[in-house]
Amino acid sequence: MGSHNYSSSEYEYLVTQPQYSSRLLKSSCLTALSAFSAAKKDLWSCSLVATLVLLTSINYWRHPTMGWRRNMDMLAVAGGLLYHMYLSLSCEVQFYQYLYYALMAKSVFCYFKSITCPNKSISYLWHIGMHAVGNLGTLALYVGLARSLEG
């Protein structure tokens, strides 16, 4: 991840300014905690999905422009969400299942606030909130899935 020297014309192509995207890059790295937690609990498919989301997010937020990197990140996140939602159906500990659903709903709420907020200095904070709350949700799900596997 090298640093970029942006000219004023390059700002037109960026989805968000570098001072915000660098913070979003850092917050997207929270997904490493989800990947590590899943691996530690022997939830290898979850760890793989979280790692894919982590890598596509890093690749996107290092220089966030419209295009294939953004599309891949959004596809990985959407696919990961669908996969985790499917797995949540087998979570036998309802507390963690419902906690996961509540946190994912809040994460989706944060995402929509981030894309509808006209003030960039606030919208990126909503997006960071999405990263944080979404990862808390996956961590809760992983605890529930691991307990379900323990019997």
C-alpha atoms as a PDB file:
ATOM      1  CA  MET A   1       0.000   0.000   0.000  1.00  0.00           C
ATOM      2  CA  GLY A   2       2.033   2.916  -1.218  1.00  0.00           C
ATOM      3  CA  SER A   3       1.102   6.516  -0.755  1.00  0.00           C
ATOM      4  CA  HIS A   4      -0.272   8.439  -3.671  1.00  0.00           C
ATOM      5  CA  ASN A   5       0.387  12.014  -4.667  1.00  0.00           C
ATOM      6  CA  TYR A   6      -2.992  13.135  -5.923  1.00  0.00           C
ATOM      7  CA  SER A   7      -3.415  15.974  -8.353  1.00  0.00           C
ATOM      8  CA  SER A   8      -6.600  18.022  -8.162  1.00  0.00           C
ATOM      9  CA  SER A   9      -7.927  16.335 -11.316  1.00  0.00           C
ATOM     10  CA  GLU A  10      -7.577  12.898  -9.693  1.00  0.00           C
ATOM     11  CA  TYR A  11      -9.974  13.914  -6.912  1.00  0.00           C
ATOM     12  CA  GLU A  12     -12.768  13.937  -9.493  1.00  0.00           C
ATOM     13  CA  TYR A  13     -12.405  10.164  -9.916  1.00  0.00           C
ATOM     14  CA  LEU A  14     -12.098   9.258  -6.258  1.00  0.00           C
ATOM     15  CA  VAL A  15     -15.261   8.121  -4.496  1.00  0.00           C
ATOM     16  CA  THR A  16     -14.028   9.878  -1.352  1.00  0.00           C
ATOM     17  CA  GLN A  17     -11.074  12.080  -0.483  1.00  0.00           C
ATOM     18  CA  PRO A  18      -7.795  10.520   0.743  1.00  0.00           C
ATOM     19  CA  GLN A  19      -8.191  11.742   4.339  1.00  0.00           C
ATOM     20  CA  TYR A  20     -11.440   9.761   4.543  1.00  0.00           C
ATOM     21  CA  SER A  21     -10.421   6.748   2.466  1.00  0.00           C
ATOM     22  CA  SER A  22      -7.305   6.196   4.593  1.00  0.00           C
ATOM     23  CA  ARG A  23      -9.535   5.955   7.677  1.00  0.00           C
ATOM     24  CA  LEU A  24     -11.945   3.654   5.861  1.00  0.00           C
ATOM     25  CA  LEU A  25      -9.008   1.482   4.812  1.00  0.00           C
ATOM     26  CA  LYS A  26      -8.009   1.163   8.458  1.00  0.00           C
ATOM     27  CA  SER A  27     -11.549   0.388   9.627  1.00  0.00           C
ATOM     28  CA  SER A  28     -11.992  -2.232   6.900  1.00  0.00           C
ATOM     29  CA  CYS A  29      -9.014  -4.048   8.435  1.00  0.00           C
ATOM     30  CA  LEU A  30     -11.308  -4.920  11.358  1.00  0.00           C
ATOM     31  CA  THR A  31     -12.374  -7.802   9.135  1.00  0.00           C
ATOM     32  CA  ALA A  32      -9.045  -9.447   9.984  1.00  0.00           C
ATOM     33  CA  LEU A  33     -10.455  -9.989  13.491  1.00  0.00           C
ATOM     34  CA  SER A  34     -13.420 -11.826  12.006  1.00  0.00           C
ATOM     35  CA  ALA A  35     -11.174 -13.971   9.798  1.00  0.00           C
ATOM     36  CA  PHE A  36      -8.888 -14.809  12.728  1.00  0.00           C
ATOM     37  CA  SER A  37     -11.791 -15.534  15.076  1.00  0.00           C
ATOM     38  CA  ALA A  38     -13.401 -17.893  12.565  1.00  0.00           C
ATOM     39  CA  ALA A  39     -10.113 -19.747  12.048  1.00  0.00           C
ATOM     40  CA  LYS A  40      -9.566 -20.032  15.795  1.00  0.00           C
ATOM     41  CA  LYS A  41     -13.022 -21.621  16.116  1.00  0.00           C
ATOM     42  CA  ASP A  42     -12.344 -24.021  13.173  1.00  0.00           C
ATOM     43  CA  LEU A  43     -14.959 -22.248  11.038  1.00  0.00           C
ATOM     44  CA  TRP A  44     -12.698 -22.421   7.995  1.00  0.00           C
ATOM     45  CA  SER A  45     -15.261 -21.479   5.355  1.00  0.00           C
ATOM     46  CA  CYS A  46     -16.170 -18.391   7.402  1.00  0.00           C
ATOM     47  CA  SER A  47     -12.502 -17.512   7.738  1.00  0.00           C
ATOM     48  CA  LEU A  48     -12.043 -17.840   3.980  1.00  0.00           C
ATOM     49  CA  VAL A  49     -15.053 -15.608   3.272  1.00  0.00           C
ATOM     50  CA  ALA A  50     -13.901 -12.982   5.799  1.00  0.00           C
ATOM     51  CA  THR A  51     -10.384 -13.057   4.319  1.00  0.00           C
ATOM     52  CA  LEU A  52     -11.796 -12.527   0.827  1.00  0.00           C
ATOM     53  CA  VAL A  53     -13.808  -9.543   2.085  1.00  0.00           C
ATOM     54  CA  LEU A  54     -10.708  -8.198   3.837  1.00  0.00           C
ATOM     55  CA  LEU A  55      -8.543  -8.458   0.713  1.00  0.00           C
ATOM     56  CA  THR A  56     -11.107  -6.912  -1.634  1.00  0.00           C
ATOM     57  CA  SER A  57     -11.743  -4.090   0.854  1.00  0.00           C
ATOM     58  CA  ILE A  58      -8.051  -3.311   1.232  1.00  0.00           C
ATOM     59  CA  ASN A  59      -7.671  -3.363  -2.533  1.00  0.00           C
ATOM     60  CA  TYR A  60     -10.591  -0.951  -2.943  1.00  0.00           C
ATOM     61  CA  TRP A  61      -9.960   1.509  -0.090  1.00  0.00           C
ATOM     62  CA  ARG A  62      -6.287   2.000  -0.963  1.00  0.00           C
ATOM     63  CA  HIS A  63      -7.518   4.059  -3.946  1.00  0.00           C
ATOM     64  CA  PRO A  64     -11.339   4.162  -4.024  1.00  0.00           C
ATOM     65  CA  THR A  65     -12.550   4.797  -7.547  1.00  0.00           C
ATOM     66  CA  MET A  66     -15.546   3.510  -9.469  1.00  0.00           C
ATOM     67  CA  GLY A  67     -14.618   0.376 -11.357  1.00  0.00           C
ATOM     68  CA  TRP A  68     -13.780  -3.287 -11.029  1.00  0.00           C
ATOM     69  CA  ARG A  69     -12.072  -3.035  -7.603  1.00  0.00           C
ATOM     70  CA  ARG A  70     -15.160  -1.413  -6.090  1.00  0.00           C
ATOM     71  CA  ASN A  71     -17.432  -3.921  -7.804  1.00  0.00           C
ATOM     72  CA  MET A  72     -15.348  -6.843  -6.507  1.00  0.00           C
ATOM     73  CA  ASP A  73     -15.436  -5.437  -2.968  1.00  0.00           C
ATOM     74  CA  MET A  74     -19.200  -4.965  -3.039  1.00  0.00           C
ATOM     75  CA  LEU A  75     -19.690  -8.436  -4.552  1.00  0.00           C
ATOM     76  CA  ALA A  76     -17.485 -10.034  -1.872  1.00  0.00           C
ATOM     77  CA  VAL A  77     -19.350  -8.204   0.903  1.00  0.00           C
ATOM     78  CA  ALA A  78     -22.791  -9.080  -0.510  1.00  0.00           C
ATOM     79  CA  GLY A  79     -21.764 -12.702  -1.069  1.00  0.00           C
ATOM     80  CA  GLY A  80     -20.283 -12.889   2.418  1.00  0.00           C
ATOM     81  CA  LEU A  81     -23.446 -11.461   3.948  1.00  0.00           C
ATOM     82  CA  LEU A  82     -25.625 -13.977   2.104  1.00  0.00           C
ATOM     83  CA  TYR A  83     -23.332 -16.848   3.123  1.00  0.00           C
ATOM     84  CA  HIS A  84     -23.322 -15.789   6.760  1.00  0.00           C
ATOM     85  CA  MET A  85     -27.113 -15.314   6.728  1.00  0.00           C
ATOM     86  CA  TYR A  86     -27.463 -18.852   5.393  1.00  0.00           C
ATOM     87  CA  LEU A  87     -25.119 -20.205   8.088  1.00  0.00           C
ATOM     88  CA  SER A  88     -27.007 -18.285  10.762  1.00  0.00           C
ATOM     89  CA  LEU A  89     -29.995 -20.540  10.139  1.00  0.00           C
ATOM     90  CA  SER A  90     -27.985 -23.427  11.627  1.00  0.00           C
ATOM     91  CA  CYS A  91     -26.992 -21.455  14.723  1.00  0.00           C
ATOM     92  CA  GLU A  92     -28.625 -23.389  17.557  1.00  0.00           C
ATOM     93  CA  VAL A  93     -27.970 -20.726  20.189  1.00  0.00           C
ATOM     94  CA  GLN A  94     -30.763 -18.263  19.480  1.00  0.00           C
ATOM     95  CA  PHE A  95     -29.199 -15.445  21.481  1.00  0.00           C
ATOM     96  CA  TYR A  96     -26.237 -15.278  19.094  1.00  0.00           C
ATOM     97  CA  GLN A  97     -28.445 -15.768  16.066  1.00  0.00           C
ATOM     98  CA  TYR A  98     -30.677 -12.832  17.031  1.00  0.00           C
ATOM     99  CA  LEU A  99     -27.710 -10.728  18.076  1.00  0.00           C
ATOM    100  CA  TYR A 100     -26.202 -11.361  14.638  1.00  0.00           C
ATOM    101  CA  TYR A 101     -29.441 -10.306  12.916  1.00  0.00           C
ATOM    102  CA  ALA A 102     -29.732  -7.151  15.031  1.00  0.00           C
ATOM    103  CA  LEU A 103     -26.130  -6.126  14.398  1.00  0.00           C
ATOM    104  CA  MET A 104     -26.401  -6.830  10.664  1.00  0.00           C
ATOM    105  CA  ALA A 105     -29.578  -4.734  10.493  1.00  0.00           C
ATOM    106  CA  LYS A 106     -27.731  -1.904  12.245  1.00  0.00           C
ATOM    107  CA  SER A 107     -24.779  -2.348   9.886  1.00  0.00           C
ATOM    108  CA  VAL A 108     -27.043  -2.082   6.836  1.00  0.00           C
ATOM    109  CA  PHE A 109     -28.637   1.005   8.413  1.00  0.00           C
ATOM    110  CA  CYS A 110     -25.170   2.560   8.824  1.00  0.00           C
ATOM    111  CA  TYR A 111     -24.357   1.768   5.185  1.00  0.00           C
ATOM    112  CA  PHE A 112     -27.483   3.507   3.908  1.00  0.00           C
ATOM    113  CA  LYS A 113     -26.826   6.495   6.160  1.00  0.00           C
ATOM    114  CA  SER A 114     -23.290   6.660   4.749  1.00  0.00           C
ATOM    115  CA  ILE A 115     -24.435   6.754   1.138  1.00  0.00           C
ATOM    116  CA  THR A 116     -27.284   9.215   1.725  1.00  0.00           C
ATOM    117  CA  CYS A 117     -25.497  11.669   4.013  1.00  0.00           C
ATOM    118  CA  PRO A 118     -24.532  14.739   1.942  1.00  0.00           C
ATOM    119  CA  ASN A 119     -21.708  15.749   4.301  1.00  0.00           C
ATOM    120  CA  LYS A 120     -18.572  13.691   3.457  1.00  0.00           C
ATOM    121  CA  SER A 121     -16.994  14.484   6.818  1.00  0.00           C
ATOM    122  CA  ILE A 122     -19.934  12.699   8.461  1.00  0.00           C
ATOM    123  CA  SER A 123     -20.808  10.050   5.863  1.00  0.00           C
ATOM    124  CA  TYR A 124     -17.454   8.330   6.187  1.00  0.00           C
ATOM    125  CA  LEU A 125     -18.097   7.971   9.944  1.00  0.00           C
ATOM    126  CA  TRP A 126     -21.319   6.111   9.170  1.00  0.00           C
ATOM    127  CA  HIS A 127     -19.322   3.829   6.887  1.00  0.00           C
ATOM    128  CA  ILE A 128     -16.744   3.199   9.615  1.00  0.00           C
ATOM    129  CA  GLY A 129     -19.684   2.359  11.873  1.00  0.00           C
ATOM    130  CA  MET A 130     -20.850  -0.157   9.293  1.00  0.00           C
ATOM    131  CA  HIS A 131     -17.408  -1.808   9.318  1.00  0.00           C
ATOM    132  CA  ALA A 132     -17.339  -1.938  13.126  1.00  0.00           C
ATOM    133  CA  VAL A 133     -20.917  -3.105  13.710  1.00  0.00           C
ATOM    134  CA  GLY A 134     -20.797  -5.602  10.833  1.00  0.00           C
ATOM    135  CA  ASN A 135     -17.694  -7.234  12.248  1.00  0.00           C
ATOM    136  CA  LEU A 136     -19.235  -7.351  15.727  1.00  0.00           C
ATOM    137  CA  GLY A 137     -22.143  -9.174  14.126  1.00  0.00           C
ATOM    138  CA  THR A 138     -19.949 -11.757  12.441  1.00  0.00           C
ATOM    139  CA  LEU A 139     -17.992 -12.268  15.666  1.00  0.00           C
ATOM    140  CA  ALA A 140     -21.272 -12.936  17.502  1.00  0.00           C
ATOM    141  CA  LEU A 141     -22.342 -15.380  14.802  1.00  0.00           C
ATOM    142  CA  TYR A 142     -19.037 -17.234  15.015  1.00  0.00           C
ATOM    143  CA  VAL A 143     -19.456 -17.690  18.773  1.00  0.00           C
ATOM    144  CA  GLY A 144     -22.944 -19.063  18.191  1.00  0.00           C
ATOM    145  CA  LEU A 145     -21.858 -21.364  15.366  1.00  0.00           C
ATOM    146  CA  ALA A 146     -18.918 -22.695  17.379  1.00  0.00           C
ATOM    147  CA  ARG A 147     -21.220 -23.428  20.335  1.00  0.00           C
ATOM    148  CA  SER A 148     -23.645 -25.174  17.980  1.00  0.00           C
ATOM    149  CA  LEU A 149     -20.812 -27.388  16.705  1.00  0.00           C
ATOM    150  CA  GLU A 150     -19.774 -28.249  20.269  1.00  0.00           C
ATOM    151  CA  GLY A 151     -23.198 -29.747  20.780  1.00  0.00           C
END
